[in-house]
């Protein structure tokens, strides 16, 4: 499944500086915000959908919030992210 696939990616990664790998499937890139502040990486992903059905409007909302502390010795300006 997706979790096994992500674990394989982590295990096979040659980048030993990888801090985190997150599954943000179902979110558009512009719905994902990554900030680095106060020694922490904060990830926020929010997705809203509105559908009109025979019964009226329906709203779907999902979000992910994650906060990861930087390891000792890593400065905030060294952190990069990619989607």
PDB file of N, CA and C in Angstrom:
ATOM      1  N   UNK A   1       0.842  -1.182   0.000  1.00  0.00           N
ATOM      2  CA  UNK A   1       0.000   0.000   0.000  1.00  0.00           C
ATOM      3  C   UNK A   1       0.888   1.246   0.000  1.00  0.00           C
ATOM      4  N   UNK A   2       0.266   2.391   0.149  1.00  0.00           N
ATOM      5  CA  UNK A   2       1.015   3.652   0.122  1.00  0.00           C
ATOM      6  C   UNK A   2       2.035   3.709   1.258  1.00  0.00           C
ATOM      7  N   UNK A   3       1.656   3.248   2.464  1.00  0.00           N
ATOM      8  CA  UNK A   3       2.577   3.308   3.602  1.00  0.00           C
ATOM      9  C   UNK A   3       3.814   2.453   3.337  1.00  0.00           C
ATOM     10  N   UNK A   4       3.629   1.248   2.787  1.00  0.00           N
ATOM     11  CA  UNK A   4       4.783   0.396   2.472  1.00  0.00           C
ATOM     12  C   UNK A   4       5.653   1.062   1.416  1.00  0.00           C
ATOM     13  N   UNK A   5       5.027   1.702   0.441  1.00  0.00           N
ATOM     14  CA  UNK A   5       5.776   2.387  -0.609  1.00  0.00           C
ATOM     15  C   UNK A   5       6.606   3.523  -0.024  1.00  0.00           C
ATOM     16  N   UNK A   6       6.016   4.293   0.900  1.00  0.00           N
ATOM     17  CA  UNK A   6       6.756   5.393   1.527  1.00  0.00           C
ATOM     18  C   UNK A   6       7.911   4.863   2.357  1.00  0.00           C
ATOM     19  N   UNK A   7       7.684   3.761   3.072  1.00  0.00           N
ATOM     20  CA  UNK A   7       8.757   3.176   3.875  1.00  0.00           C
ATOM     21  C   UNK A   7       9.892   2.689   2.986  1.00  0.00           C
ATOM     22  N   UNK A   8       9.560   2.107   1.840  1.00  0.00           N
ATOM     23  CA  UNK A   8      10.601   1.664   0.901  1.00  0.00           C
ATOM     24  C   UNK A   8      11.399   2.861   0.408  1.00  0.00           C
ATOM     25  N   UNK A   9      10.715   3.970   0.127  1.00  0.00           N
ATOM     26  CA  UNK A   9      11.417   5.168  -0.329  1.00  0.00           C
ATOM     27  C   UNK A   9      12.373   5.661   0.744  1.00  0.00           C
ATOM     28  N   UNK A  10      11.932   5.645   1.995  1.00  0.00           N
ATOM     29  CA  UNK A  10      12.807   6.085   3.081  1.00  0.00           C
ATOM     30  C   UNK A  10      13.999   5.153   3.228  1.00  0.00           C
ATOM     31  N   UNK A  11      13.750   3.828   3.170  1.00  0.00           N
ATOM     32  CA  UNK A  11      14.816   2.855   3.337  1.00  0.00           C
ATOM     33  C   UNK A  11      15.843   2.939   2.215  1.00  0.00           C
ATOM     34  N   UNK A  12      15.368   3.222   1.008  1.00  0.00           N
ATOM     35  CA  UNK A  12      16.276   3.229  -0.133  1.00  0.00           C
ATOM     36  C   UNK A  12      16.910   4.599  -0.370  1.00  0.00           C
ATOM     37  N   UNK A  13      16.505   5.587   0.419  1.00  0.00           N
ATOM     38  CA  UNK A  13      17.033   6.938   0.222  1.00  0.00           C
ATOM     39  C   UNK A  13      18.517   6.976   0.593  1.00  0.00           C
ATOM     40  N   UNK A  14      19.304   7.537  -0.295  1.00  0.00           N
ATOM     41  CA  UNK A  14      20.724   7.698  -0.018  1.00  0.00           C
ATOM     42  C   UNK A  14      20.991   9.038   0.662  1.00  0.00           C
ATOM     43  N   UNK A  15      19.957   9.836   0.813  1.00  0.00           N
ATOM     44  CA  UNK A  15      20.095  11.137   1.461  1.00  0.00           C
ATOM     45  C   UNK A  15      19.886  10.951   2.955  1.00  0.00           C
ATOM     46  N   UNK A  16      20.968  10.895   3.704  1.00  0.00           N
ATOM     47  CA  UNK A  16      20.869  10.659   5.135  1.00  0.00           C
ATOM     48  C   UNK A  16      20.437  11.909   5.881  1.00  0.00           C
ATOM     49  N   UNK A  17      20.223  12.995   5.158  1.00  0.00           N
ATOM     50  CA  UNK A  17      19.776  14.229   5.793  1.00  0.00           C
ATOM     51  C   UNK A  17      18.264  14.398   5.673  1.00  0.00           C
ATOM     52  N   UNK A  18      17.555  13.369   5.248  1.00  0.00           N
ATOM     53  CA  UNK A  18      16.108  13.442   5.102  1.00  0.00           C
ATOM     54  C   UNK A  18      15.468  13.488   6.478  1.00  0.00           C
ATOM     55  N   UNK A  19      14.730  14.553   6.749  1.00  0.00           N
ATOM     56  CA  UNK A  19      14.109  14.733   8.057  1.00  0.00           C
ATOM     57  C   UNK A  19      12.740  14.065   8.116  1.00  0.00           C
ATOM     58  N   UNK A  20      11.957  14.192   7.049  1.00  0.00           N
ATOM     59  CA  UNK A  20      10.602  13.639   7.058  1.00  0.00           C
ATOM     60  C   UNK A  20      10.108  13.445   5.639  1.00  0.00           C
ATOM     61  N   UNK A  21       9.244  12.473   5.486  1.00  0.00           N
ATOM     62  CA  UNK A  21       8.551  12.217   4.229  1.00  0.00           C
ATOM     63  C   UNK A  21       7.079  12.101   4.574  1.00  0.00           C
ATOM     64  N   UNK A  22       6.251  12.939   3.950  1.00  0.00           N
ATOM     65  CA  UNK A  22       4.829  12.957   4.279  1.00  0.00           C
ATOM     66  C   UNK A  22       3.995  12.675   3.043  1.00  0.00           C
ATOM     67  N   UNK A  23       2.914  11.964   3.248  1.00  0.00           N
ATOM     68  CA  UNK A  23       1.976  11.667   2.176  1.00  0.00           C
ATOM     69  C   UNK A  23       0.932  12.781   2.119  1.00  0.00           C
ATOM     70  N   UNK A  24       0.987  13.598   1.067  1.00  0.00           N
ATOM     71  CA  UNK A  24       0.005  14.665   0.892  1.00  0.00           C
ATOM     72  C   UNK A  24      -0.818  14.423  -0.373  1.00  0.00           C
ATOM     73  N   UNK A  25      -1.026  13.151  -0.689  1.00  0.00           N
ATOM     74  CA  UNK A  25      -1.853  12.795  -1.843  1.00  0.00           C
ATOM     75  C   UNK A  25      -3.257  13.359  -1.646  1.00  0.00           C
ATOM     76  N   UNK A  26      -3.814  13.920  -2.699  1.00  0.00           N
ATOM     77  CA  UNK A  26      -5.138  14.517  -2.613  1.00  0.00           C
ATOM     78  C   UNK A  26      -5.108  16.019  -2.359  1.00  0.00           C
ATOM     79  N   UNK A  27      -3.924  16.554  -2.121  1.00  0.00           N
ATOM     80  CA  UNK A  27      -3.766  17.995  -1.938  1.00  0.00           C
ATOM     81  C   UNK A  27      -3.033  18.556  -3.149  1.00  0.00           C
ATOM     82  N   UNK A  28      -3.454  19.744  -3.607  1.00  0.00           N
ATOM     83  CA  UNK A  28      -2.721  20.439  -4.655  1.00  0.00           C
ATOM     84  C   UNK A  28      -1.479  21.065  -4.017  1.00  0.00           C
ATOM     85  N   UNK A  29      -0.404  21.244  -4.783  1.00  0.00           N
ATOM     86  CA  UNK A  29       0.798  21.866  -4.216  1.00  0.00           C
ATOM     87  C   UNK A  29       0.538  23.211  -3.552  1.00  0.00           C
ATOM     88  N   UNK A  30      -0.398  24.004  -4.099  1.00  0.00           N
ATOM     89  CA  UNK A  30      -0.665  25.320  -3.502  1.00  0.00           C
ATOM     90  C   UNK A  30      -1.475  25.212  -2.212  1.00  0.00           C
ATOM     91  N   UNK A  31      -1.917  24.012  -1.846  1.00  0.00           N
ATOM     92  CA  UNK A  31      -2.644  23.802  -0.599  1.00  0.00           C
ATOM     93  C   UNK A  31      -1.716  23.336   0.533  1.00  0.00           C
ATOM     94  N   UNK A  32      -0.429  23.176   0.217  1.00  0.00           N
ATOM     95  CA  UNK A  32       0.555  22.712   1.192  1.00  0.00           C
ATOM     96  C   UNK A  32       1.501  23.861   1.532  1.00  0.00           C
ATOM     97  N   UNK A  33       1.629  24.174   2.823  1.00  0.00           N
ATOM     98  CA  UNK A  33       2.514  25.230   3.284  1.00  0.00           C
ATOM     99  C   UNK A  33       3.552  24.636   4.226  1.00  0.00           C
ATOM    100  N   UNK A  34       4.820  24.937   3.969  1.00  0.00           N
ATOM    101  CA  UNK A  34       5.907  24.486   4.835  1.00  0.00           C
ATOM    102  C   UNK A  34       6.631  25.725   5.339  1.00  0.00           C
ATOM    103  N   UNK A  35       6.751  25.836   6.661  1.00  0.00           N
ATOM    104  CA  UNK A  35       7.481  26.954   7.251  1.00  0.00           C
ATOM    105  C   UNK A  35       8.540  26.407   8.206  1.00  0.00           C
ATOM    106  N   UNK A  36       9.627  27.146   8.327  1.00  0.00           N
ATOM    107  CA  UNK A  36      10.697  26.794   9.255  1.00  0.00           C
ATOM    108  C   UNK A  36      10.888  27.981  10.181  1.00  0.00           C
ATOM    109  N   UNK A  37      10.652  27.747  11.474  1.00  0.00           N
ATOM    110  CA  UNK A  37      10.731  28.836  12.442  1.00  0.00           C
ATOM    111  C   UNK A  37      10.939  28.262  13.836  1.00  0.00           C
ATOM    112  N   UNK A  38      11.733  28.922  14.618  1.00  0.00           N
ATOM    113  CA  UNK A  38      11.968  28.537  16.014  1.00  0.00           C
ATOM    114  C   UNK A  38      12.460  27.094  16.152  1.00  0.00           C
ATOM    115  N   UNK A  39      13.296  26.664  15.209  1.00  0.00           N
ATOM    116  CA  UNK A  39      13.871  25.326  15.281  1.00  0.00           C
ATOM    117  C   UNK A  39      12.921  24.207  14.910  1.00  0.00           C
ATOM    118  N   UNK A  40      11.826  24.550  14.252  1.00  0.00           N
ATOM    119  CA  UNK A  40      10.835  23.540  13.882  1.00  0.00           C
ATOM    120  C   UNK A  40      10.392  23.718  12.443  1.00  0.00           C
ATOM    121  N   UNK A  41      10.098  22.581  11.802  1.00  0.00           N
ATOM    122  CA  UNK A  41       9.497  22.583  10.471  1.00  0.00           C
ATOM    123  C   UNK A  41       8.009  22.329  10.678  1.00  0.00           C
ATOM    124  N   UNK A  42       7.193  23.225  10.152  1.00  0.00           N
ATOM    125  CA  UNK A  42       5.745  23.072  10.283  1.00  0.00           C
ATOM    126  C   UNK A  42       5.139  22.865   8.906  1.00  0.00           C
ATOM    127  N   UNK A  43       4.331  21.821   8.788  1.00  0.00           N
ATOM    128  CA  UNK A  43       3.671  21.498   7.535  1.00  0.00           C
ATOM    129  C   UNK A  43       2.168  21.605   7.756  1.00  0.00           C
ATOM    130  N   UNK A  44       1.518  22.358   6.891  1.00  0.00           N
ATOM    131  CA  UNK A  44       0.067  22.500   6.944  1.00  0.00           C
ATOM    132  C   UNK A  44      -0.476  22.255   5.542  1.00  0.00           C
ATOM    133  N   UNK A  45      -1.408  21.320   5.428  1.00  0.00           N
ATOM    134  CA  UNK A  45      -2.074  21.051   4.157  1.00  0.00           C
ATOM    135  C   UNK A  45      -3.577  21.119   4.406  1.00  0.00           C
ATOM    136  N   UNK A  46      -4.273  21.915   3.602  1.00  0.00           N
ATOM    137  CA  UNK A  46      -5.720  22.070   3.756  1.00  0.00           C
ATOM    138  C   UNK A  46      -6.390  21.959   2.394  1.00  0.00           C
ATOM    139  N   UNK A  47      -7.477  21.204   2.360  1.00  0.00           N
ATOM    140  CA  UNK A  47      -8.212  21.019   1.106  1.00  0.00           C
ATOM    141  C   UNK A  47      -9.704  21.135   1.404  1.00  0.00           C
ATOM    142  N   UNK A  48     -10.390  21.970   0.626  1.00  0.00           N
ATOM    143  CA  UNK A  48     -11.834  22.146   0.770  1.00  0.00           C
ATOM    144  C   UNK A  48     -12.502  21.879  -0.570  1.00  0.00           C
ATOM    145  N   UNK A  49     -13.628  21.201  -0.515  1.00  0.00           N
ATOM    146  CA  UNK A  49     -14.423  20.979  -1.733  1.00  0.00           C
ATOM    147  C   UNK A  49     -15.873  21.308  -1.427  1.00  0.00           C
ATOM    148  N   UNK A  50     -16.541  21.861  -2.429  1.00  0.00           N
ATOM    149  CA  UNK A  50     -17.972  22.150  -2.302  1.00  0.00           C
ATOM    150  C   UNK A  50     -18.679  21.457  -3.457  1.00  0.00           C
ATOM    151  N   UNK A  51     -19.702  20.683  -3.143  1.00  0.00           N
ATOM    152  CA  UNK A  51     -20.478  19.983  -4.161  1.00  0.00           C
ATOM    153  C   UNK A  51     -21.942  20.340  -3.998  1.00  0.00           C
ATOM    154  N   UNK A  52     -22.615  20.544  -5.121  1.00  0.00           N
ATOM    155  CA  UNK A  52     -24.055  20.761  -5.075  1.00  0.00           C
ATOM    156  C   UNK A  52     -24.728  19.442  -5.444  1.00  0.00           C
ATOM    157  N   UNK A  53     -25.572  18.974  -4.562  1.00  0.00           N
ATOM    158  CA  UNK A  53     -26.290  17.720  -4.794  1.00  0.00           C
ATOM    159  C   UNK A  53     -27.784  18.011  -4.785  1.00  0.00           C
ATOM    160  N   UNK A  54     -28.561  16.978  -4.997  1.00  0.00           N
ATOM    161  CA  UNK A  54     -30.018  17.136  -4.975  1.00  0.00           C
ATOM    162  C   UNK A  54     -30.500  17.590  -3.598  1.00  0.00           C
ATOM    163  N   UNK A  55     -29.761  17.272  -2.560  1.00  0.00           N
ATOM    164  CA  UNK A  55     -30.145  17.665  -1.204  1.00  0.00           C
ATOM    165  C   UNK A  55     -29.588  19.024  -0.804  1.00  0.00           C
ATOM    166  N   UNK A  56     -28.792  19.629  -1.647  1.00  0.00           N
ATOM    167  CA  UNK A  56     -28.198  20.920  -1.319  1.00  0.00           C
ATOM    168  C   UNK A  56     -26.690  20.863  -1.454  1.00  0.00           C
ATOM    169  N   UNK A  57     -26.028  21.782  -0.787  1.00  0.00           N
ATOM    170  CA  UNK A  57     -24.571  21.844  -0.874  1.00  0.00           C
ATOM    171  C   UNK A  57     -23.929  20.938   0.170  1.00  0.00           C
ATOM    172  N   UNK A  58     -22.877  20.273  -0.250  1.00  0.00           N
ATOM    173  CA  UNK A  58     -22.086  19.453   0.663  1.00  0.00           C
ATOM    174  C   UNK A  58     -20.653  19.963   0.631  1.00  0.00           C
ATOM    175  N   UNK A  59     -20.030  19.968   1.785  1.00  0.00           N
ATOM    176  CA  UNK A  59     -18.662  20.455   1.904  1.00  0.00           C
ATOM    177  C   UNK A  59     -17.772  19.334   2.430  1.00  0.00           C
ATOM    178  N   UNK A  60     -16.626  19.173   1.806  1.00  0.00           N
ATOM    179  CA  UNK A  60     -15.608  18.244   2.291  1.00  0.00           C
ATOM    180  C   UNK A  60     -14.379  19.063   2.665  1.00  0.00           C
ATOM    181  N   UNK A  61     -13.828  18.759   3.822  1.00  0.00           N
ATOM    182  CA  UNK A  61     -12.640  19.460   4.292  1.00  0.00           C
ATOM    183  C   UNK A  61     -11.691  18.441   4.893  1.00  0.00           C
ATOM    184  N   UNK A  62     -10.426  18.547   4.515  1.00  0.00           N
ATOM    185  CA  UNK A  62      -9.420  17.690   5.157  1.00  0.00           C
ATOM    186  C   UNK A  62      -8.159  18.517   5.364  1.00  0.00           C
ATOM    187  N   UNK A  63      -7.437  18.181   6.409  1.00  0.00           N
ATOM    188  CA  UNK A  63      -6.194  18.900   6.669  1.00  0.00           C
ATOM    189  C   UNK A  63      -5.187  17.988   7.345  1.00  0.00           C
ATOM    190  N   UNK A  64      -3.944  18.370   7.213  1.00  0.00           N
ATOM    191  CA  UNK A  64      -2.832  17.706   7.879  1.00  0.00           C
ATOM    192  C   UNK A  64      -2.017  18.802   8.550  1.00  0.00           C
ATOM    193  N   UNK A  65      -1.690  18.597   9.799  1.00  0.00           N
ATOM    194  CA  UNK A  65      -0.790  19.509  10.516  1.00  0.00           C
ATOM    195  C   UNK A  65       0.309  18.661  11.128  1.00  0.00           C
ATOM    196  N   UNK A  66       1.535  19.032  10.880  1.00  0.00           N
ATOM    197  CA  UNK A  66       2.669  18.279  11.417  1.00  0.00           C
ATOM    198  C   UNK A  66       3.750  19.261  11.807  1.00  0.00           C
ATOM    199  N   UNK A  67       4.377  19.001  12.938  1.00  0.00           N
ATOM    200  CA  UNK A  67       5.466  19.840  13.413  1.00  0.00           C
ATOM    201  C   UNK A  67       6.640  18.925  13.749  1.00  0.00           C
ATOM    202  N   UNK A  68       7.792  19.231  13.190  1.00  0.00           N
ATOM    203  CA  UNK A  68       8.974  18.401  13.364  1.00  0.00           C
ATOM    204  C   UNK A  68      10.107  19.273  13.873  1.00  0.00           C
ATOM    205  N   UNK A  69      10.717  18.871  14.985  1.00  0.00           N
ATOM    206  CA  UNK A  69      11.853  19.618  15.520  1.00  0.00           C
ATOM    207  C   UNK A  69      13.096  19.320  14.702  1.00  0.00           C
ATOM    208  N   UNK A  70      13.868  20.367  14.422  1.00  0.00           N
ATOM    209  CA  UNK A  70      15.129  20.168  13.708  1.00  0.00           C
ATOM    210  C   UNK A  70      16.136  19.481  14.632  1.00  0.00           C
ATOM    211  N   UNK A  71      16.935  18.578  14.085  1.00  0.00           N
ATOM    212  CA  UNK A  71      17.973  17.943  14.907  1.00  0.00           C
ATOM    213  C   UNK A  71      18.998  18.976  15.361  1.00  0.00           C
ATOM    214  N   UNK A  72      19.673  18.718  16.472  1.00  0.00           N
ATOM    215  CA  UNK A  72      20.701  19.645  16.946  1.00  0.00           C
ATOM    216  C   UNK A  72      21.763  19.877  15.869  1.00  0.00           C
ATOM    217  N   UNK A  73      22.202  21.110  15.740  1.00  0.00           N
ATOM    218  CA  UNK A  73      23.244  21.433  14.774  1.00  0.00           C
ATOM    219  C   UNK A  73      22.742  21.779  13.382  1.00  0.00           C
ATOM    220  N   UNK A  74      21.455  21.643  13.132  1.00  0.00           N
ATOM    221  CA  UNK A  74      20.895  21.982  11.815  1.00  0.00           C
ATOM    222  C   UNK A  74      20.307  23.382  11.895  1.00  0.00           C
ATOM    223  N   UNK A  75      20.787  24.252  11.017  1.00  0.00           N
ATOM    224  CA  UNK A  75      20.254  25.617  11.034  1.00  0.00           C
ATOM    225  C   UNK A  75      19.039  25.709  10.121  1.00  0.00           C
ATOM    226  N   UNK A  76      18.174  26.650  10.442  1.00  0.00           N
ATOM    227  CA  UNK A  76      16.916  26.801   9.700  1.00  0.00           C
ATOM    228  C   UNK A  76      17.145  27.088   8.224  1.00  0.00           C
ATOM    229  N   UNK A  77      18.211  27.809   7.887  1.00  0.00           N
ATOM    230  CA  UNK A  77      18.428  28.155   6.485  1.00  0.00           C
ATOM    231  C   UNK A  77      18.966  26.984   5.655  1.00  0.00           C
ATOM    232  N   UNK A  78      19.263  25.857   6.281  1.00  0.00           N
ATOM    233  CA  UNK A  78      19.693  24.671   5.552  1.00  0.00           C
ATOM    234  C   UNK A  78      18.513  23.822   5.083  1.00  0.00           C
ATOM    235  N   UNK A  79      17.322  24.083   5.597  1.00  0.00           N
ATOM    236  CA  UNK A  79      16.169  23.239   5.341  1.00  0.00           C
ATOM    237  C   UNK A  79      15.566  23.545   3.973  1.00  0.00           C
ATOM    238  N   UNK A  80      15.300  22.486   3.210  1.00  0.00           N
ATOM    239  CA  UNK A  80      14.601  22.620   1.924  1.00  0.00           C
ATOM    240  C   UNK A  80      13.460  21.621   1.908  1.00  0.00           C
ATOM    241  N   UNK A  81      12.502  21.860   1.055  1.00  0.00           N
ATOM    242  CA  UNK A  81      11.390  20.900   0.907  1.00  0.00           C
ATOM    243  C   UNK A  81      11.067  20.771  -0.578  1.00  0.00           C
ATOM    244  N   UNK A  82      10.469  19.644  -0.916  1.00  0.00           N
ATOM    245  CA  UNK A  82      10.013  19.449  -2.293  1.00  0.00           C
ATOM    246  C   UNK A  82       8.763  18.604  -2.272  1.00  0.00           C
ATOM    247  N   UNK A  83       7.922  18.815  -3.282  1.00  0.00           N
ATOM    248  CA  UNK A  83       6.674  18.051  -3.413  1.00  0.00           C
ATOM    249  C   UNK A  83       6.802  17.115  -4.607  1.00  0.00           C
TER     250      UNK A  83
END
